[in-house]
């Protein structure tokens, strides 16, 4: 189904729509961070933290889950920093 008034209807969302949205994530994050963060060093740090949050951290948590372990203090602090 085509979007009505630019809105995607819930019954039209499928794996290809989700995959398309995920493929746009990096460019959207880059544009949003660039519009809000003027300092190049802070911009790079924000992008690095975002990549870490969505790529590295889930793998780390999944590996530790089997051993009954969670986040380290440093990881938790970094996650809170990313959220802010």
PDB file of N, CA and C in Angstrom:
ATOM      1  N   UNK A   1       0.834  -1.184   0.000  1.00  0.00           N
ATOM      2  CA  UNK A   1       0.000   0.000   0.000  1.00  0.00           C
ATOM      3  C   UNK A   1       0.877   1.245   0.000  1.00  0.00           C
ATOM      4  N   UNK A   2       0.446   2.248  -0.666  1.00  0.00           N
ATOM      5  CA  UNK A   2       1.164   3.519  -0.694  1.00  0.00           C
ATOM      6  C   UNK A   2       0.839   4.327   0.554  1.00  0.00           C
ATOM      7  N   UNK A   3       1.803   5.123   1.016  1.00  0.00           N
ATOM      8  CA  UNK A   3       1.530   5.964   2.188  1.00  0.00           C
ATOM      9  C   UNK A   3       0.385   6.929   1.910  1.00  0.00           C
ATOM     10  N   UNK A   4      -0.451   7.139   2.909  1.00  0.00           N
ATOM     11  CA  UNK A   4      -1.539   8.102   2.809  1.00  0.00           C
ATOM     12  C   UNK A   4      -1.103   9.368   3.530  1.00  0.00           C
ATOM     13  N   UNK A   5      -1.084  10.482   2.816  1.00  0.00           N
ATOM     14  CA  UNK A   5      -0.648  11.747   3.398  1.00  0.00           C
ATOM     15  C   UNK A   5       0.755  11.649   3.993  1.00  0.00           C
ATOM     16  N   UNK A   6       1.613  10.846   3.373  1.00  0.00           N
ATOM     17  CA  UNK A   6       2.986  10.704   3.846  1.00  0.00           C
ATOM     18  C   UNK A   6       3.140   9.808   5.061  1.00  0.00           C
ATOM     19  N   UNK A   7       2.071   9.142   5.466  1.00  0.00           N
ATOM     20  CA  UNK A   7       2.107   8.282   6.647  1.00  0.00           C
ATOM     21  C   UNK A   7       2.011   6.829   6.197  1.00  0.00           C
ATOM     22  N   UNK A   8       2.938   6.005   6.676  1.00  0.00           N
ATOM     23  CA  UNK A   8       2.894   4.582   6.369  1.00  0.00           C
ATOM     24  C   UNK A   8       1.894   3.932   7.314  1.00  0.00           C
ATOM     25  N   UNK A   9       0.974   3.202   6.759  1.00  0.00           N
ATOM     26  CA  UNK A   9      -0.031   2.511   7.556  1.00  0.00           C
ATOM     27  C   UNK A   9       0.585   1.248   8.172  1.00  0.00           C
ATOM     28  N   UNK A  10       0.241   0.928   9.406  1.00  0.00           N
ATOM     29  CA  UNK A  10       0.835  -0.236  10.081  1.00  0.00           C
ATOM     30  C   UNK A  10       0.726  -1.537   9.287  1.00  0.00           C
ATOM     31  N   UNK A  11      -0.379  -1.738   8.592  1.00  0.00           N
ATOM     32  CA  UNK A  11      -0.543  -2.989   7.850  1.00  0.00           C
ATOM     33  C   UNK A  11       0.332  -3.058   6.595  1.00  0.00           C
ATOM     34  N   UNK A  12       1.008  -1.960   6.262  1.00  0.00           N
ATOM     35  CA  UNK A  12       1.891  -1.982   5.090  1.00  0.00           C
ATOM     36  C   UNK A  12       3.357  -2.143   5.473  1.00  0.00           C
ATOM     37  N   UNK A  13       3.643  -2.207   6.767  1.00  0.00           N
ATOM     38  CA  UNK A  13       5.028  -2.358   7.217  1.00  0.00           C
ATOM     39  C   UNK A  13       5.408  -3.831   7.139  1.00  0.00           C
ATOM     40  N   UNK A  14       6.506  -4.080   6.429  1.00  0.00           N
ATOM     41  CA  UNK A  14       7.011  -5.439   6.303  1.00  0.00           C
ATOM     42  C   UNK A  14       8.540  -5.411   6.439  1.00  0.00           C
ATOM     43  N   UNK A  15       9.170  -6.541   6.283  1.00  0.00           N
ATOM     44  CA  UNK A  15      10.621  -6.608   6.487  1.00  0.00           C
ATOM     45  C   UNK A  15      11.389  -5.722   5.507  1.00  0.00           C
ATOM     46  N   UNK A  16      10.900  -5.556   4.299  1.00  0.00           N
ATOM     47  CA  UNK A  16      11.618  -4.705   3.348  1.00  0.00           C
ATOM     48  C   UNK A  16      11.517  -3.229   3.745  1.00  0.00           C
ATOM     49  N   UNK A  17      10.384  -2.816   4.301  1.00  0.00           N
ATOM     50  CA  UNK A  17      10.233  -1.432   4.777  1.00  0.00           C
ATOM     51  C   UNK A  17      11.170  -1.197   5.950  1.00  0.00           C
ATOM     52  N   UNK A  18      11.222  -2.156   6.871  1.00  0.00           N
ATOM     53  CA  UNK A  18      12.113  -2.031   8.029  1.00  0.00           C
ATOM     54  C   UNK A  18      13.565  -2.004   7.573  1.00  0.00           C
ATOM     55  N   UNK A  19      13.943  -2.874   6.656  1.00  0.00           N
ATOM     56  CA  UNK A  19      15.311  -2.905   6.146  1.00  0.00           C
ATOM     57  C   UNK A  19      15.672  -1.569   5.494  1.00  0.00           C
ATOM     58  N   UNK A  20      14.735  -0.987   4.772  1.00  0.00           N
ATOM     59  CA  UNK A  20      14.973   0.311   4.140  1.00  0.00           C
ATOM     60  C   UNK A  20      15.206   1.391   5.199  1.00  0.00           C
ATOM     61  N   UNK A  21      14.387   1.395   6.237  1.00  0.00           N
ATOM     62  CA  UNK A  21      14.542   2.381   7.317  1.00  0.00           C
ATOM     63  C   UNK A  21      15.884   2.211   8.014  1.00  0.00           C
ATOM     64  N   UNK A  22      16.260   0.985   8.285  1.00  0.00           N
ATOM     65  CA  UNK A  22      17.552   0.716   8.929  1.00  0.00           C
ATOM     66  C   UNK A  22      18.694   1.190   8.034  1.00  0.00           C
ATOM     67  N   UNK A  23      18.559   1.022   6.734  1.00  0.00           N
ATOM     68  CA  UNK A  23      19.617   1.452   5.811  1.00  0.00           C
ATOM     69  C   UNK A  23      19.796   2.973   5.805  1.00  0.00           C
ATOM     70  N   UNK A  24      18.753   3.700   6.176  1.00  0.00           N
ATOM     71  CA  UNK A  24      18.817   5.167   6.216  1.00  0.00           C
ATOM     72  C   UNK A  24      19.383   5.701   7.528  1.00  0.00           C
ATOM     73  N   UNK A  25      19.459   4.853   8.551  1.00  0.00           N
ATOM     74  CA  UNK A  25      19.804   5.289   9.896  1.00  0.00           C
ATOM     75  C   UNK A  25      21.113   6.087   9.947  1.00  0.00           C
ATOM     76  N   UNK A  26      22.180   5.572   9.369  1.00  0.00           N
ATOM     77  CA  UNK A  26      23.485   6.243   9.444  1.00  0.00           C
ATOM     78  C   UNK A  26      23.446   7.650   8.863  1.00  0.00           C
ATOM     79  N   UNK A  27      22.820   7.804   7.720  1.00  0.00           N
ATOM     80  CA  UNK A  27      22.788   9.130   7.102  1.00  0.00           C
ATOM     81  C   UNK A  27      21.904  10.088   7.892  1.00  0.00           C
ATOM     82  N   UNK A  28      20.821   9.577   8.465  1.00  0.00           N
ATOM     83  CA  UNK A  28      19.947  10.432   9.275  1.00  0.00           C
ATOM     84  C   UNK A  28      20.671  10.876  10.540  1.00  0.00           C
ATOM     85  N   UNK A  29      21.334   9.930  11.215  1.00  0.00           N
ATOM     86  CA  UNK A  29      22.088  10.271  12.430  1.00  0.00           C
ATOM     87  C   UNK A  29      23.173  11.295  12.106  1.00  0.00           C
ATOM     88  N   UNK A  30      23.880  11.085  11.018  1.00  0.00           N
ATOM     89  CA  UNK A  30      24.931  12.016  10.614  1.00  0.00           C
ATOM     90  C   UNK A  30      24.366  13.428  10.429  1.00  0.00           C
ATOM     91  N   UNK A  31      23.259  13.540   9.731  1.00  0.00           N
ATOM     92  CA  UNK A  31      22.652  14.855   9.480  1.00  0.00           C
ATOM     93  C   UNK A  31      22.124  15.500  10.760  1.00  0.00           C
ATOM     94  N   UNK A  32      21.492  14.709  11.610  1.00  0.00           N
ATOM     95  CA  UNK A  32      20.946  15.260  12.859  1.00  0.00           C
ATOM     96  C   UNK A  32      22.073  15.722  13.763  1.00  0.00           C
ATOM     97  N   UNK A  33      23.092  14.873  13.948  1.00  0.00           N
ATOM     98  CA  UNK A  33      24.224  15.261  14.800  1.00  0.00           C
ATOM     99  C   UNK A  33      24.932  16.488  14.228  1.00  0.00           C
ATOM    100  N   UNK A  34      25.098  16.521  12.914  1.00  0.00           N
ATOM    101  CA  UNK A  34      25.795  17.651  12.285  1.00  0.00           C
ATOM    102  C   UNK A  34      25.010  18.942  12.498  1.00  0.00           C
ATOM    103  N   UNK A  35      23.700  18.865  12.488  1.00  0.00           N
ATOM    104  CA  UNK A  35      22.883  20.065  12.679  1.00  0.00           C
ATOM    105  C   UNK A  35      22.911  20.558  14.126  1.00  0.00           C
ATOM    106  N   UNK A  36      23.204  19.664  15.064  1.00  0.00           N
ATOM    107  CA  UNK A  36      23.168  20.028  16.479  1.00  0.00           C
ATOM    108  C   UNK A  36      24.545  20.214  17.104  1.00  0.00           C
ATOM    109  N   UNK A  37      25.555  19.559  16.554  1.00  0.00           N
ATOM    110  CA  UNK A  37      26.895  19.592  17.141  1.00  0.00           C
ATOM    111  C   UNK A  37      27.843  20.302  16.174  1.00  0.00           C
ATOM    112  N   UNK A  38      28.322  21.445  16.577  1.00  0.00           N
ATOM    113  CA  UNK A  38      29.182  22.240  15.687  1.00  0.00           C
ATOM    114  C   UNK A  38      30.661  21.919  15.848  1.00  0.00           C
ATOM    115  N   UNK A  39      31.064  21.445  17.014  1.00  0.00           N
ATOM    116  CA  UNK A  39      32.460  21.100  17.274  1.00  0.00           C
ATOM    117  C   UNK A  39      32.779  19.749  16.618  1.00  0.00           C
ATOM    118  N   UNK A  40      33.796  19.725  15.737  1.00  0.00           N
ATOM    119  CA  UNK A  40      34.123  18.509  14.989  1.00  0.00           C
ATOM    120  C   UNK A  40      34.499  17.338  15.894  1.00  0.00           C
ATOM    121  N   UNK A  41      35.231  17.616  16.965  1.00  0.00           N
ATOM    122  CA  UNK A  41      35.648  16.551  17.874  1.00  0.00           C
ATOM    123  C   UNK A  41      34.428  15.943  18.576  1.00  0.00           C
ATOM    124  N   UNK A  42      33.516  16.779  19.034  1.00  0.00           N
ATOM    125  CA  UNK A  42      32.301  16.291  19.691  1.00  0.00           C
ATOM    126  C   UNK A  42      31.411  15.541  18.704  1.00  0.00           C
ATOM    127  N   UNK A  43      31.372  16.017  17.470  1.00  0.00           N
ATOM    128  CA  UNK A  43      30.601  15.354  16.419  1.00  0.00           C
ATOM    129  C   UNK A  43      31.134  13.940  16.182  1.00  0.00           C
ATOM    130  N   UNK A  44      32.443  13.814  16.041  1.00  0.00           N
ATOM    131  CA  UNK A  44      33.062  12.506  15.818  1.00  0.00           C
ATOM    132  C   UNK A  44      32.820  11.587  17.008  1.00  0.00           C
ATOM    133  N   UNK A  45      32.946  12.121  18.211  1.00  0.00           N
ATOM    134  CA  UNK A  45      32.699  11.328  19.412  1.00  0.00           C
ATOM    135  C   UNK A  45      31.255  10.835  19.444  1.00  0.00           C
ATOM    136  N   UNK A  46      30.319  11.703  19.100  1.00  0.00           N
ATOM    137  CA  UNK A  46      28.905  11.320  19.085  1.00  0.00           C
ATOM    138  C   UNK A  46      28.658  10.198  18.074  1.00  0.00           C
ATOM    139  N   UNK A  47      29.241  10.311  16.893  1.00  0.00           N
ATOM    140  CA  UNK A  47      29.079   9.252  15.890  1.00  0.00           C
ATOM    141  C   UNK A  47      29.721   7.949  16.351  1.00  0.00           C
ATOM    142  N   UNK A  48      30.913   8.044  16.953  1.00  0.00           N
ATOM    143  CA  UNK A  48      31.583   6.844  17.471  1.00  0.00           C
ATOM    144  C   UNK A  48      30.741   6.169  18.551  1.00  0.00           C
ATOM    145  N   UNK A  49      30.186   6.973  19.455  1.00  0.00           N
ATOM    146  CA  UNK A  49      29.356   6.412  20.524  1.00  0.00           C
ATOM    147  C   UNK A  49      28.079   5.790  19.975  1.00  0.00           C
ATOM    148  N   UNK A  50      27.513   6.401  18.955  1.00  0.00           N
ATOM    149  CA  UNK A  50      26.309   5.852  18.348  1.00  0.00           C
ATOM    150  C   UNK A  50      26.614   4.520  17.677  1.00  0.00           C
ATOM    151  N   UNK A  51      27.699   4.439  16.944  1.00  0.00           N
ATOM    152  CA  UNK A  51      28.113   3.189  16.298  1.00  0.00           C
ATOM    153  C   UNK A  51      28.370   2.116  17.352  1.00  0.00           C
ATOM    154  N   UNK A  52      29.078   2.494  18.415  1.00  0.00           N
ATOM    155  CA  UNK A  52      29.356   1.560  19.505  1.00  0.00           C
ATOM    156  C   UNK A  52      28.047   1.028  20.090  1.00  0.00           C
ATOM    157  N   UNK A  53      27.104   1.926  20.344  1.00  0.00           N
ATOM    158  CA  UNK A  53      25.827   1.550  20.964  1.00  0.00           C
ATOM    159  C   UNK A  53      25.047   0.549  20.119  1.00  0.00           C
ATOM    160  N   UNK A  54      25.022   0.736  18.810  1.00  0.00           N
ATOM    161  CA  UNK A  54      24.176  -0.103  17.968  1.00  0.00           C
ATOM    162  C   UNK A  54      24.907  -1.268  17.305  1.00  0.00           C
ATOM    163  N   UNK A  55      26.245  -1.265  17.325  1.00  0.00           N
ATOM    164  CA  UNK A  55      26.979  -2.355  16.683  1.00  0.00           C
ATOM    165  C   UNK A  55      27.773  -3.192  17.681  1.00  0.00           C
ATOM    166  N   UNK A  56      28.613  -2.543  18.463  1.00  0.00           N
ATOM    167  CA  UNK A  56      29.498  -3.284  19.361  1.00  0.00           C
ATOM    168  C   UNK A  56      28.817  -3.744  20.646  1.00  0.00           C
ATOM    169  N   UNK A  57      28.097  -2.868  21.305  1.00  0.00           N
ATOM    170  CA  UNK A  57      27.497  -3.196  22.601  1.00  0.00           C
ATOM    171  C   UNK A  57      26.556  -4.397  22.539  1.00  0.00           C
ATOM    172  N   UNK A  58      25.667  -4.495  21.562  1.00  0.00           N
ATOM    173  CA  UNK A  58      24.791  -5.680  21.525  1.00  0.00           C
ATOM    174  C   UNK A  58      25.568  -6.999  21.412  1.00  0.00           C
ATOM    175  N   UNK A  59      26.636  -7.011  20.622  1.00  0.00           N
ATOM    176  CA  UNK A  59      27.453  -8.235  20.507  1.00  0.00           C
ATOM    177  C   UNK A  59      28.099  -8.575  21.839  1.00  0.00           C
ATOM    178  N   UNK A  60      28.627  -7.553  22.510  1.00  0.00           N
ATOM    179  CA  UNK A  60      29.283  -7.753  23.803  1.00  0.00           C
ATOM    180  C   UNK A  60      28.298  -8.302  24.830  1.00  0.00           C
ATOM    181  N   UNK A  61      27.133  -7.702  24.907  1.00  0.00           N
ATOM    182  CA  UNK A  61      26.117  -8.143  25.873  1.00  0.00           C
ATOM    183  C   UNK A  61      25.676  -9.572  25.570  1.00  0.00           C
ATOM    184  N   UNK A  62      25.495  -9.877  24.316  1.00  0.00           N
ATOM    185  CA  UNK A  62      25.067 -11.223  23.942  1.00  0.00           C
ATOM    186  C   UNK A  62      26.116 -12.261  24.343  1.00  0.00           C
ATOM    187  N   UNK A  63      27.385 -11.955  24.157  1.00  0.00           N
ATOM    188  CA  UNK A  63      28.455 -12.884  24.531  1.00  0.00           C
ATOM    189  C   UNK A  63      28.498 -13.097  26.043  1.00  0.00           C
ATOM    190  N   UNK A  64      28.282 -12.034  26.788  1.00  0.00           N
ATOM    191  CA  UNK A  64      28.351 -12.134  28.248  1.00  0.00           C
ATOM    192  C   UNK A  64      27.107 -12.768  28.855  1.00  0.00           C
ATOM    193  N   UNK A  65      25.995 -12.679  28.176  1.00  0.00           N
ATOM    194  CA  UNK A  65      24.737 -13.184  28.721  1.00  0.00           C
ATOM    195  C   UNK A  65      24.846 -14.654  29.106  1.00  0.00           C
ATOM    196  N   UNK A  66      25.521 -15.438  28.266  1.00  0.00           N
ATOM    197  CA  UNK A  66      25.673 -16.862  28.549  1.00  0.00           C
ATOM    198  C   UNK A  66      26.416 -17.105  29.856  1.00  0.00           C
ATOM    199  N   UNK A  67      27.323 -16.190  30.211  1.00  0.00           N
ATOM    200  CA  UNK A  67      28.098 -16.331  31.447  1.00  0.00           C
ATOM    201  C   UNK A  67      27.398 -15.647  32.627  1.00  0.00           C
ATOM    202  N   UNK A  68      26.211 -15.086  32.392  1.00  0.00           N
ATOM    203  CA  UNK A  68      25.476 -14.423  33.463  1.00  0.00           C
ATOM    204  C   UNK A  68      26.053 -13.076  33.852  1.00  0.00           C
ATOM    205  N   UNK A  69      26.794 -12.458  32.942  1.00  0.00           N
ATOM    206  CA  UNK A  69      27.399 -11.155  33.217  1.00  0.00           C
ATOM    207  C   UNK A  69      26.670 -10.064  32.443  1.00  0.00           C
ATOM    208  N   UNK A  70      26.843  -8.834  32.907  1.00  0.00           N
ATOM    209  CA  UNK A  70      26.203  -7.698  32.256  1.00  0.00           C
ATOM    210  C   UNK A  70      27.213  -6.651  31.837  1.00  0.00           C
ATOM    211  N   UNK A  71      26.803  -5.403  31.909  1.00  0.00           N
ATOM    212  CA  UNK A  71      27.650  -4.291  31.509  1.00  0.00           C
ATOM    213  C   UNK A  71      28.707  -3.986  32.562  1.00  0.00           C
ATOM    214  N   UNK A  72      29.862  -3.539  32.114  1.00  0.00           N
ATOM    215  CA  UNK A  72      30.870  -3.038  33.041  1.00  0.00           C
ATOM    216  C   UNK A  72      30.492  -1.610  33.423  1.00  0.00           C
ATOM    217  N   UNK A  73      31.125  -1.101  34.449  1.00  0.00           N
ATOM    218  CA  UNK A  73      30.856   0.273  34.876  1.00  0.00           C
ATOM    219  C   UNK A  73      31.187   1.242  33.744  1.00  0.00           C
ATOM    220  N   UNK A  74      32.317   1.051  33.074  1.00  0.00           N
ATOM    221  CA  UNK A  74      32.703   1.926  31.964  1.00  0.00           C
ATOM    222  C   UNK A  74      31.690   1.885  30.826  1.00  0.00           C
ATOM    223  N   UNK A  75      31.189   0.694  30.522  1.00  0.00           N
ATOM    224  CA  UNK A  75      30.188   0.564  29.461  1.00  0.00           C
ATOM    225  C   UNK A  75      28.885   1.253  29.851  1.00  0.00           C
ATOM    226  N   UNK A  76      28.496   1.103  31.096  1.00  0.00           N
ATOM    227  CA  UNK A  76      27.283   1.761  31.560  1.00  0.00           C
ATOM    228  C   UNK A  76      27.422   3.281  31.499  1.00  0.00           C
ATOM    229  N   UNK A  77      28.572   3.798  31.904  1.00  0.00           N
ATOM    230  CA  UNK A  77      28.817   5.241  31.825  1.00  0.00           C
ATOM    231  C   UNK A  77      28.782   5.721  30.374  1.00  0.00           C
ATOM    232  N   UNK A  78      29.383   4.960  29.482  1.00  0.00           N
ATOM    233  CA  UNK A  78      29.377   5.329  28.058  1.00  0.00           C
ATOM    234  C   UNK A  78      27.970   5.292  27.483  1.00  0.00           C
ATOM    235  N   UNK A  79      27.185   4.318  27.889  1.00  0.00           N
ATOM    236  CA  UNK A  79      25.812   4.208  27.425  1.00  0.00           C
ATOM    237  C   UNK A  79      24.989   5.413  27.898  1.00  0.00           C
ATOM    238  N   UNK A  80      25.188   5.813  29.142  1.00  0.00           N
ATOM    239  CA  UNK A  80      24.480   6.996  29.657  1.00  0.00           C
ATOM    240  C   UNK A  80      24.935   8.246  28.903  1.00  0.00           C
ATOM    241  N   UNK A  81      26.223   8.345  28.621  1.00  0.00           N
ATOM    242  CA  UNK A  81      26.742   9.486  27.868  1.00  0.00           C
ATOM    243  C   UNK A  81      26.134   9.525  26.468  1.00  0.00           C
ATOM    244  N   UNK A  82      26.028   8.371  25.835  1.00  0.00           N
ATOM    245  CA  UNK A  82      25.407   8.299  24.498  1.00  0.00           C
ATOM    246  C   UNK A  82      23.973   8.789  24.568  1.00  0.00           C
ATOM    247  N   UNK A  83      23.255   8.380  25.611  1.00  0.00           N
ATOM    248  CA  UNK A  83      21.847   8.737  25.733  1.00  0.00           C
ATOM    249  C   UNK A  83      21.662  10.235  25.891  1.00  0.00           C
ATOM    250  N   UNK A  84      22.596  10.871  26.543  1.00  0.00           N
ATOM    251  CA  UNK A  84      22.479  12.317  26.787  1.00  0.00           C
ATOM    252  C   UNK A  84      22.786  13.043  25.519  1.00  0.00           C
TER     253      UNK A  84
END
